[in-house]
């Protein structure tokens, strides 16, 4: 039986001189493809997760019947109404003028369902999460009974 490659019969075994070069070429080609800066189409793009809320994001209505205004002004037209212990999302916070004393206070742009409008700060209690606002609304309803 004759051996044609890489050793001939009766000759001492010796390494194939081009084998290390082939291995290095395979490693170089495979690693060059992994250094690409393009994103794979299968890599999901996730939004950043906030660690802590820097401003309140949810509010609970403190009064019986809350008027939501089109602007953060007490004399602005009414956009809609919310009821006692309703939970609404805070979209923005601004300082606006009050009707009674002409002073300034914080106004919250609230959204609940299809109703969106501005409410003054004493009429709502702001919270940093939906869960806290929901729990506060439950406590308010229980106290009112």
C-alpha atoms as a PDB file:
ATOM      1  CA  UNK A   1       0.000   0.000   0.000  1.00  0.00           C
ATOM      2  CA  UNK A   2       1.443   3.323  -1.007  1.00  0.00           C
ATOM      3  CA  UNK A   3       0.820   6.662   0.587  1.00  0.00           C
ATOM      4  CA  UNK A   4       0.866   9.491  -1.930  1.00  0.00           C
ATOM      5  CA  UNK A   5       0.283  12.421   0.333  1.00  0.00           C
ATOM      6  CA  UNK A   6       1.764  13.899   2.482  1.00  0.00           C
ATOM      7  CA  UNK A   7       4.250  11.165   3.207  1.00  0.00           C
ATOM      8  CA  UNK A   8       5.845   8.660   0.914  1.00  0.00           C
ATOM      9  CA  UNK A   9       6.377   5.079   2.078  1.00  0.00           C
ATOM     10  CA  UNK A  10       9.642   4.613   3.870  1.00  0.00           C
ATOM     11  CA  UNK A  11      10.342   8.340   4.279  1.00  0.00           C
ATOM     12  CA  UNK A  12      10.343  10.038   7.631  1.00  0.00           C
ATOM     13  CA  UNK A  13       7.277  12.099   8.492  1.00  0.00           C
ATOM     14  CA  UNK A  14       7.759  15.835   8.143  1.00  0.00           C
ATOM     15  CA  UNK A  15       5.340  18.724   8.416  1.00  0.00           C
ATOM     16  CA  UNK A  16       3.732  20.132   5.332  1.00  0.00           C
ATOM     17  CA  UNK A  17       5.387  23.562   4.841  1.00  0.00           C
ATOM     18  CA  UNK A  18       2.245  25.348   3.597  1.00  0.00           C
ATOM     19  CA  UNK A  19      -0.126  24.142   6.390  1.00  0.00           C
ATOM     20  CA  UNK A  20       0.612  27.030   8.821  1.00  0.00           C
ATOM     21  CA  UNK A  21       0.094  29.546   6.019  1.00  0.00           C
ATOM     22  CA  UNK A  22      -3.291  27.988   5.171  1.00  0.00           C
ATOM     23  CA  UNK A  23      -4.413  28.080   8.816  1.00  0.00           C
ATOM     24  CA  UNK A  24      -3.358  31.715   9.171  1.00  0.00           C
ATOM     25  CA  UNK A  25      -5.173  32.646   5.958  1.00  0.00           C
ATOM     26  CA  UNK A  26      -8.407  31.017   7.209  1.00  0.00           C
ATOM     27  CA  UNK A  27      -8.158  32.855  10.549  1.00  0.00           C
ATOM     28  CA  UNK A  28      -7.492  36.197   8.835  1.00  0.00           C
ATOM     29  CA  UNK A  29     -10.463  35.855   6.470  1.00  0.00           C
ATOM     30  CA  UNK A  30     -12.881  34.793   9.208  1.00  0.00           C
ATOM     31  CA  UNK A  31     -11.823  37.527  11.636  1.00  0.00           C
ATOM     32  CA  UNK A  32     -11.948  40.278   8.985  1.00  0.00           C
ATOM     33  CA  UNK A  33     -15.679  39.703   8.536  1.00  0.00           C
ATOM     34  CA  UNK A  34     -16.355  40.024  12.264  1.00  0.00           C
ATOM     35  CA  UNK A  35     -14.788  43.506  12.467  1.00  0.00           C
ATOM     36  CA  UNK A  36     -17.406  45.103  10.236  1.00  0.00           C
ATOM     37  CA  UNK A  37     -19.172  48.107  11.787  1.00  0.00           C
ATOM     38  CA  UNK A  38     -22.496  47.455  10.127  1.00  0.00           C
ATOM     39  CA  UNK A  39     -25.376  46.242  12.271  1.00  0.00           C
ATOM     40  CA  UNK A  40     -26.734  42.853  11.537  1.00  0.00           C
ATOM     41  CA  UNK A  41     -30.323  42.959  10.271  1.00  0.00           C
ATOM     42  CA  UNK A  42     -31.249  40.650  13.148  1.00  0.00           C
ATOM     43  CA  UNK A  43     -29.929  43.000  15.848  1.00  0.00           C
ATOM     44  CA  UNK A  44     -32.879  44.733  17.557  1.00  0.00           C
ATOM     45  CA  UNK A  45     -32.789  48.467  18.148  1.00  0.00           C
ATOM     46  CA  UNK A  46     -34.047  49.167  21.668  1.00  0.00           C
ATOM     47  CA  UNK A  47     -34.904  52.575  23.136  1.00  0.00           C
ATOM     48  CA  UNK A  48     -32.865  53.701  26.144  1.00  0.00           C
ATOM     49  CA  UNK A  49     -34.354  52.741  29.496  1.00  0.00           C
ATOM     50  CA  UNK A  50     -34.509  55.613  31.982  1.00  0.00           C
ATOM     51  CA  UNK A  51     -33.010  54.754  35.362  1.00  0.00           C
ATOM     52  CA  UNK A  52     -34.974  57.359  37.283  1.00  0.00           C
ATOM     53  CA  UNK A  53     -37.697  59.778  36.320  1.00  0.00           C
ATOM     54  CA  UNK A  54     -36.410  63.339  36.560  1.00  0.00           C
ATOM     55  CA  UNK A  55     -39.913  64.743  36.414  1.00  0.00           C
ATOM     56  CA  UNK A  56     -43.343  63.371  37.256  1.00  0.00           C
ATOM     57  CA  UNK A  57     -44.929  61.404  34.438  1.00  0.00           C
ATOM     58  CA  UNK A  58     -48.389  60.572  35.861  1.00  0.00           C
ATOM     59  CA  UNK A  59     -50.968  62.565  37.805  1.00  0.00           C
ATOM     60  CA  UNK A  60     -54.069  61.887  39.893  1.00  0.00           C
ATOM     61  CA  UNK A  61     -57.003  64.300  39.876  1.00  0.00           C
ATOM     62  CA  UNK A  62     -57.503  65.682  43.400  1.00  0.00           C
ATOM     63  CA  UNK A  63     -60.764  67.583  42.879  1.00  0.00           C
ATOM     64  CA  UNK A  64     -64.269  66.393  42.054  1.00  0.00           C
ATOM     65  CA  UNK A  65     -64.385  67.773  38.527  1.00  0.00           C
ATOM     66  CA  UNK A  66     -61.267  69.102  36.792  1.00  0.00           C
ATOM     67  CA  UNK A  67     -61.406  71.409  33.777  1.00  0.00           C
ATOM     68  CA  UNK A  68     -58.593  70.877  31.257  1.00  0.00           C
ATOM     69  CA  UNK A  69     -57.675  74.063  29.374  1.00  0.00           C
ATOM     70  CA  UNK A  70     -56.313  74.488  25.838  1.00  0.00           C
ATOM     71  CA  UNK A  71     -53.433  76.607  27.208  1.00  0.00           C
ATOM     72  CA  UNK A  72     -51.699  76.841  30.605  1.00  0.00           C
ATOM     73  CA  UNK A  73     -53.836  79.865  31.558  1.00  0.00           C
ATOM     74  CA  UNK A  74     -56.850  80.009  33.853  1.00  0.00           C
ATOM     75  CA  UNK A  75     -58.815  82.061  31.290  1.00  0.00           C
ATOM     76  CA  UNK A  76     -58.066  79.711  28.367  1.00  0.00           C
ATOM     77  CA  UNK A  77     -60.959  77.802  26.756  1.00  0.00           C
ATOM     78  CA  UNK A  78     -61.836  74.420  28.261  1.00  0.00           C
ATOM     79  CA  UNK A  79     -60.666  71.371  26.274  1.00  0.00           C
ATOM     80  CA  UNK A  80     -62.316  68.676  28.395  1.00  0.00           C
ATOM     81  CA  UNK A  81     -62.865  67.376  31.912  1.00  0.00           C
ATOM     82  CA  UNK A  82     -61.491  64.719  34.257  1.00  0.00           C
ATOM     83  CA  UNK A  83     -63.134  63.341  37.383  1.00  0.00           C
ATOM     84  CA  UNK A  84     -61.963  62.673  40.925  1.00  0.00           C
ATOM     85  CA  UNK A  85     -59.118  60.120  41.205  1.00  0.00           C
ATOM     86  CA  UNK A  86     -58.678  59.771  37.425  1.00  0.00           C
ATOM     87  CA  UNK A  87     -55.094  58.864  36.464  1.00  0.00           C
ATOM     88  CA  UNK A  88     -53.667  60.802  33.503  1.00  0.00           C
ATOM     89  CA  UNK A  89     -50.286  60.910  31.794  1.00  0.00           C
ATOM     90  CA  UNK A  90     -48.264  64.132  32.124  1.00  0.00           C
ATOM     91  CA  UNK A  91     -46.997  65.193  28.692  1.00  0.00           C
ATOM     92  CA  UNK A  92     -45.440  68.543  29.687  1.00  0.00           C
ATOM     93  CA  UNK A  93     -45.013  70.952  32.597  1.00  0.00           C
ATOM     94  CA  UNK A  94     -45.043  74.754  32.250  1.00  0.00           C
ATOM     95  CA  UNK A  95     -45.490  77.804  34.418  1.00  0.00           C
ATOM     96  CA  UNK A  96     -48.699  79.729  33.743  1.00  0.00           C
ATOM     97  CA  UNK A  97     -50.756  82.571  35.187  1.00  0.00           C
ATOM     98  CA  UNK A  98     -53.697  81.987  37.548  1.00  0.00           C
ATOM     99  CA  UNK A  99     -56.976  83.894  37.347  1.00  0.00           C
ATOM    100  CA  UNK A 100     -57.555  84.611  41.038  1.00  0.00           C
ATOM    101  CA  UNK A 101     -54.402  86.347  42.209  1.00  0.00           C
ATOM    102  CA  UNK A 102     -52.605  86.900  38.912  1.00  0.00           C
ATOM    103  CA  UNK A 103     -49.661  84.877  40.228  1.00  0.00           C
ATOM    104  CA  UNK A 104     -47.878  82.002  38.558  1.00  0.00           C
ATOM    105  CA  UNK A 105     -48.003  78.266  39.202  1.00  0.00           C
ATOM    106  CA  UNK A 106     -47.111  75.012  37.487  1.00  0.00           C
ATOM    107  CA  UNK A 107     -49.494  73.673  34.892  1.00  0.00           C
ATOM    108  CA  UNK A 108     -49.502  70.069  33.689  1.00  0.00           C
ATOM    109  CA  UNK A 109     -50.443  69.006  30.172  1.00  0.00           C
ATOM    110  CA  UNK A 110     -52.498  65.878  30.869  1.00  0.00           C
ATOM    111  CA  UNK A 111     -53.746  63.148  28.575  1.00  0.00           C
ATOM    112  CA  UNK A 112     -56.325  60.498  29.427  1.00  0.00           C
ATOM    113  CA  UNK A 113     -57.855  58.627  26.523  1.00  0.00           C
ATOM    114  CA  UNK A 114     -58.927  61.164  23.907  1.00  0.00           C
ATOM    115  CA  UNK A 115     -58.928  64.106  26.361  1.00  0.00           C
ATOM    116  CA  UNK A 116     -55.844  66.357  26.454  1.00  0.00           C
ATOM    117  CA  UNK A 117     -55.474  69.692  28.214  1.00  0.00           C
ATOM    118  CA  UNK A 118     -53.713  71.813  30.839  1.00  0.00           C
ATOM    119  CA  UNK A 119     -54.484  71.596  34.582  1.00  0.00           C
ATOM    120  CA  UNK A 120     -53.074  73.741  37.427  1.00  0.00           C
ATOM    121  CA  UNK A 121     -50.806  72.141  40.031  1.00  0.00           C
ATOM    122  CA  UNK A 122     -53.094  72.266  43.075  1.00  0.00           C
ATOM    123  CA  UNK A 123     -55.785  70.335  41.192  1.00  0.00           C
ATOM    124  CA  UNK A 124     -53.602  67.269  40.527  1.00  0.00           C
ATOM    125  CA  UNK A 125     -51.044  65.232  42.439  1.00  0.00           C
ATOM    126  CA  UNK A 126     -48.005  64.294  40.306  1.00  0.00           C
ATOM    127  CA  UNK A 127     -46.213  60.917  40.560  1.00  0.00           C
ATOM    128  CA  UNK A 128     -43.084  59.423  38.995  1.00  0.00           C
ATOM    129  CA  UNK A 129     -44.700  56.177  37.810  1.00  0.00           C
ATOM    130  CA  UNK A 130     -48.056  54.843  36.701  1.00  0.00           C
ATOM    131  CA  UNK A 131     -48.077  52.290  39.535  1.00  0.00           C
ATOM    132  CA  UNK A 132     -47.680  54.954  42.221  1.00  0.00           C
ATOM    133  CA  UNK A 133     -50.352  57.138  40.642  1.00  0.00           C
ATOM    134  CA  UNK A 134     -52.768  54.199  40.387  1.00  0.00           C
ATOM    135  CA  UNK A 135     -52.167  53.257  44.044  1.00  0.00           C
ATOM    136  CA  UNK A 136     -52.721  56.869  45.131  1.00  0.00           C
ATOM    137  CA  UNK A 137     -55.986  57.003  43.162  1.00  0.00           C
ATOM    138  CA  UNK A 138     -57.189  53.841  44.918  1.00  0.00           C
ATOM    139  CA  UNK A 139     -56.355  55.349  48.338  1.00  0.00           C
ATOM    140  CA  UNK A 140     -58.187  58.588  47.436  1.00  0.00           C
ATOM    141  CA  UNK A 141     -61.332  56.665  46.460  1.00  0.00           C
ATOM    142  CA  UNK A 142     -61.197  54.598  49.677  1.00  0.00           C
ATOM    143  CA  UNK A 143     -60.914  57.752  51.837  1.00  0.00           C
ATOM    144  CA  UNK A 144     -63.882  59.319  50.108  1.00  0.00           C
ATOM    145  CA  UNK A 145     -66.248  56.421  50.928  1.00  0.00           C
END
